[in-house]
C-alpha atoms as a PDB file:
ATOM      1  CA  UNK A   1     -19.254  -0.359 -36.886  1.00  0.00           C
ATOM      2  CA  UNK A   2     -21.056  -0.372 -33.546  1.00  0.00           C
ATOM      3  CA  UNK A   3     -20.166   1.987 -30.739  1.00  0.00           C
ATOM      4  CA  UNK A   4     -18.677   0.501 -27.578  1.00  0.00           C
ATOM      5  CA  UNK A   5     -20.364   1.510 -24.343  1.00  0.00           C
ATOM      6  CA  UNK A   6     -18.414   2.666 -21.332  1.00  0.00           C
ATOM      7  CA  UNK A   7     -19.275  -0.517 -19.436  1.00  0.00           C
ATOM      8  CA  UNK A   8     -18.140  -2.732 -22.334  1.00  0.00           C
ATOM      9  CA  UNK A   9     -14.860  -0.835 -22.533  1.00  0.00           C
ATOM     10  CA  UNK A  10     -14.331  -1.229 -18.795  1.00  0.00           C
ATOM     11  CA  UNK A  11     -15.094  -4.955 -18.958  1.00  0.00           C
ATOM     12  CA  UNK A  12     -12.633  -5.354 -21.841  1.00  0.00           C
ATOM     13  CA  UNK A  13      -9.992  -3.395 -19.910  1.00  0.00           C
ATOM     14  CA  UNK A  14     -10.635  -5.604 -16.868  1.00  0.00           C
ATOM     15  CA  UNK A  15     -10.170  -8.737 -18.970  1.00  0.00           C
ATOM     16  CA  UNK A  16      -6.946  -7.405 -20.514  1.00  0.00           C
ATOM     17  CA  UNK A  17      -5.511  -6.422 -17.135  1.00  0.00           C
ATOM     18  CA  UNK A  18      -6.559  -9.803 -15.741  1.00  0.00           C
ATOM     19  CA  UNK A  19      -4.723 -11.587 -18.549  1.00  0.00           C
ATOM     20  CA  UNK A  20      -1.616  -9.437 -18.089  1.00  0.00           C
ATOM     21  CA  UNK A  21      -1.747 -10.158 -14.362  1.00  0.00           C
ATOM     22  CA  UNK A  22      -1.899 -13.932 -14.962  1.00  0.00           C
ATOM     23  CA  UNK A  23       1.028 -13.786 -17.391  1.00  0.00           C
ATOM     24  CA  UNK A  24       3.072 -11.632 -15.006  1.00  0.00           C
ATOM     25  CA  UNK A  25       2.395 -13.929 -12.064  1.00  0.00           C
ATOM     26  CA  UNK A  26       3.366 -16.962 -14.151  1.00  0.00           C
ATOM     27  CA  UNK A  27       6.648 -15.281 -15.119  1.00  0.00           C
ATOM     28  CA  UNK A  28       7.254 -14.382 -11.462  1.00  0.00           C
ATOM     29  CA  UNK A  29       6.810 -18.041 -10.462  1.00  0.00           C
ATOM     30  CA  UNK A  30       9.293 -19.178 -13.121  1.00  0.00           C
ATOM     31  CA  UNK A  31      11.861 -16.568 -12.069  1.00  0.00           C
ATOM     32  CA  UNK A  32      11.406 -17.377  -8.376  1.00  0.00           C
ATOM     33  CA  UNK A  33      12.041 -21.057  -9.081  1.00  0.00           C
ATOM     34  CA  UNK A  34      15.102 -20.172 -11.179  1.00  0.00           C
ATOM     35  CA  UNK A  35      16.481 -17.966  -8.396  1.00  0.00           C
ATOM     36  CA  UNK A  36      15.835 -20.715  -5.857  1.00  0.00           C
ATOM     37  CA  UNK A  37      17.686 -23.222  -8.039  1.00  0.00           C
ATOM     38  CA  UNK A  38      20.611 -20.794  -8.457  1.00  0.00           C
ATOM     39  CA  UNK A  39      20.799 -20.290  -4.689  1.00  0.00           C
ATOM     40  CA  UNK A  40      20.878 -24.050  -4.110  1.00  0.00           C
ATOM     41  CA  UNK A  41      23.583 -24.516  -6.758  1.00  0.00           C
ATOM     42  CA  UNK A  42      25.945 -22.174  -4.987  1.00  0.00           C
ATOM     43  CA  UNK A  43      27.600 -18.809  -5.460  1.00  0.00           C
ATOM     44  CA  UNK A  44      29.303 -19.666  -8.760  1.00  0.00           C
ATOM     45  CA  UNK A  45      26.035 -19.799 -10.694  1.00  0.00           C
ATOM     46  CA  UNK A  46      25.468 -16.944 -13.128  1.00  0.00           C
ATOM     47  CA  UNK A  47      22.119 -15.403 -13.931  1.00  0.00           C
ATOM     48  CA  UNK A  48      20.677 -15.348 -10.431  1.00  0.00           C
ATOM     49  CA  UNK A  49      21.200 -11.636  -9.860  1.00  0.00           C
ATOM     50  CA  UNK A  50      19.784 -10.706 -13.281  1.00  0.00           C
ATOM     51  CA  UNK A  51      16.751 -12.886 -12.562  1.00  0.00           C
ATOM     52  CA  UNK A  52      16.341 -11.211  -9.166  1.00  0.00           C
ATOM     53  CA  UNK A  53      16.361  -7.754 -10.811  1.00  0.00           C
ATOM     54  CA  UNK A  54      13.793  -8.896 -13.359  1.00  0.00           C
ATOM     55  CA  UNK A  55      11.648 -10.393 -10.600  1.00  0.00           C
ATOM     56  CA  UNK A  56      11.771  -7.113  -8.692  1.00  0.00           C
ATOM     57  CA  UNK A  57      10.704  -5.199 -11.820  1.00  0.00           C
ATOM     58  CA  UNK A  58       7.898  -7.680 -12.426  1.00  0.00           C
ATOM     59  CA  UNK A  59       6.666  -7.217  -8.849  1.00  0.00           C
ATOM     60  CA  UNK A  60       6.459  -3.454  -9.416  1.00  0.00           C
ATOM     61  CA  UNK A  61       4.634  -4.040 -12.711  1.00  0.00           C
ATOM     62  CA  UNK A  62       2.261  -6.480 -10.973  1.00  0.00           C
ATOM     63  CA  UNK A  63       1.507  -3.891  -8.277  1.00  0.00           C
ATOM     64  CA  UNK A  64       0.598  -1.394 -10.995  1.00  0.00           C
ATOM     65  CA  UNK A  65      -1.678  -3.929 -12.664  1.00  0.00           C
ATOM     66  CA  UNK A  66      -3.434  -4.648  -9.372  1.00  0.00           C
ATOM     67  CA  UNK A  67      -3.978  -0.926  -8.842  1.00  0.00           C
ATOM     68  CA  UNK A  68      -5.358  -0.513 -12.370  1.00  0.00           C
ATOM     69  CA  UNK A  69      -7.672  -3.484 -11.897  1.00  0.00           C
ATOM     70  CA  UNK A  70      -8.936  -2.035  -8.622  1.00  0.00           C
ATOM     71  CA  UNK A  71      -9.703   1.295 -10.326  1.00  0.00           C
ATOM     72  CA  UNK A  72     -11.487  -0.498 -13.167  1.00  0.00           C
ATOM     73  CA  UNK A  73     -13.557  -2.489 -10.658  1.00  0.00           C
ATOM     74  CA  UNK A  74     -14.479   0.711  -8.840  1.00  0.00           C
ATOM     75  CA  UNK A  75     -15.586   2.253 -12.129  1.00  0.00           C
ATOM     76  CA  UNK A  76     -17.661  -0.836 -12.939  1.00  0.00           C
ATOM     77  CA  UNK A  77     -19.277  -0.728  -9.498  1.00  0.00           C
ATOM     78  CA  UNK A  78     -20.387   2.877 -10.029  1.00  0.00           C
ATOM     79  CA  UNK A  79     -23.486   2.932 -12.257  1.00  0.00           C
ATOM     80  CA  UNK A  80     -23.309   5.203 -15.299  1.00  0.00           C
ATOM     81  CA  UNK A  81     -24.991   8.518 -14.679  1.00  0.00           C
ATOM     82  CA  UNK A  82     -24.507   8.397 -10.905  1.00  0.00           C
ATOM     83  CA  UNK A  83     -22.978  11.534  -9.553  1.00  0.00           C
ATOM     84  CA  UNK A  84     -21.001  11.887  -6.351  1.00  0.00           C
ATOM     85  CA  UNK A  85     -22.857  12.930  -3.240  1.00  0.00           C
ATOM     86  CA  UNK A  86     -23.995  16.539  -3.240  1.00  0.00           C
ATOM     87  CA  UNK A  87     -22.865  16.967   0.365  1.00  0.00           C
ATOM     88  CA  UNK A  88     -20.044  19.499   0.724  1.00  0.00           C
ATOM     89  CA  UNK A  89     -16.754  18.261   2.077  1.00  0.00           C
ATOM     90  CA  UNK A  90     -16.121  19.005   5.723  1.00  0.00           C
ATOM     91  CA  UNK A  91     -13.061  21.065   6.573  1.00  0.00           C
ATOM     92  CA  UNK A  92     -10.086  19.207   8.001  1.00  0.00           C
ATOM     93  CA  UNK A  93      -9.946  19.105  11.813  1.00  0.00           C
ATOM     94  CA  UNK A  94      -7.976  21.897  13.389  1.00  0.00           C
ATOM     95  CA  UNK A  95      -4.652  20.790  14.743  1.00  0.00           C
ATOM     96  CA  UNK A  96      -4.133  22.258  18.199  1.00  0.00           C
ATOM     97  CA  UNK A  97      -0.372  21.776  18.146  1.00  0.00           C
ATOM     98  CA  UNK A  98       1.843  24.558  16.890  1.00  0.00           C
ATOM     99  CA  UNK A  99       3.313  23.793  13.510  1.00  0.00           C
ATOM    100  CA  UNK A 100       6.795  24.898  12.644  1.00  0.00           C
ATOM    101  CA  UNK A 101       7.922  25.165   9.048  1.00  0.00           C
ATOM    102  CA  UNK A 102      10.351  22.474   8.029  1.00  0.00           C
ATOM    103  CA  UNK A 103      13.824  23.516   7.033  1.00  0.00           C
ATOM    104  CA  UNK A 104      16.021  21.816   4.540  1.00  0.00           C
ATOM    105  CA  UNK A 105      19.518  21.165   5.806  1.00  0.00           C
ATOM    106  CA  UNK A 106      22.443  20.542   3.511  1.00  0.00           C
ATOM    107  CA  UNK A 107      25.505  18.762   4.843  1.00  0.00           C
ATOM    108  CA  UNK A 108      28.915  18.756   3.261  1.00  0.00           C
ATOM    109  CA  UNK A 109      31.529  16.146   3.973  1.00  0.00           C
ATOM    110  CA  UNK A 110      35.065  17.287   4.668  1.00  0.00           C
ATOM    111  CA  UNK A 111      37.757  16.071   2.340  1.00  0.00           C
ATOM    112  CA  UNK A 112      40.491  14.073   3.963  1.00  0.00           C
ATOM    113  CA  UNK A 113      43.992  15.348   3.280  1.00  0.00           C
END
């Protein structure tokens, strides 16, 4: 069995994420159309709120896929063996304003008698 190179693995991961992204976007389109149809049908239609929750979850999943794909693309753009710049990081700029520590405040509601 042949060994998979890092670049091949990244390209395969990119293809898999791309496919998952296409499938997720297709499902989002179907759900959006279903929700639209439910809204047009009126308030008595069931399933619209469940579809809206699923659509929201799919949007979060899609955002994660886009982030993963971006990271994979960044890894593909960086040639193997390249190291980060050897220049030391500069210290953060000094803030001239006086900083006060934040305090956590806890509020309690009064019970009504």
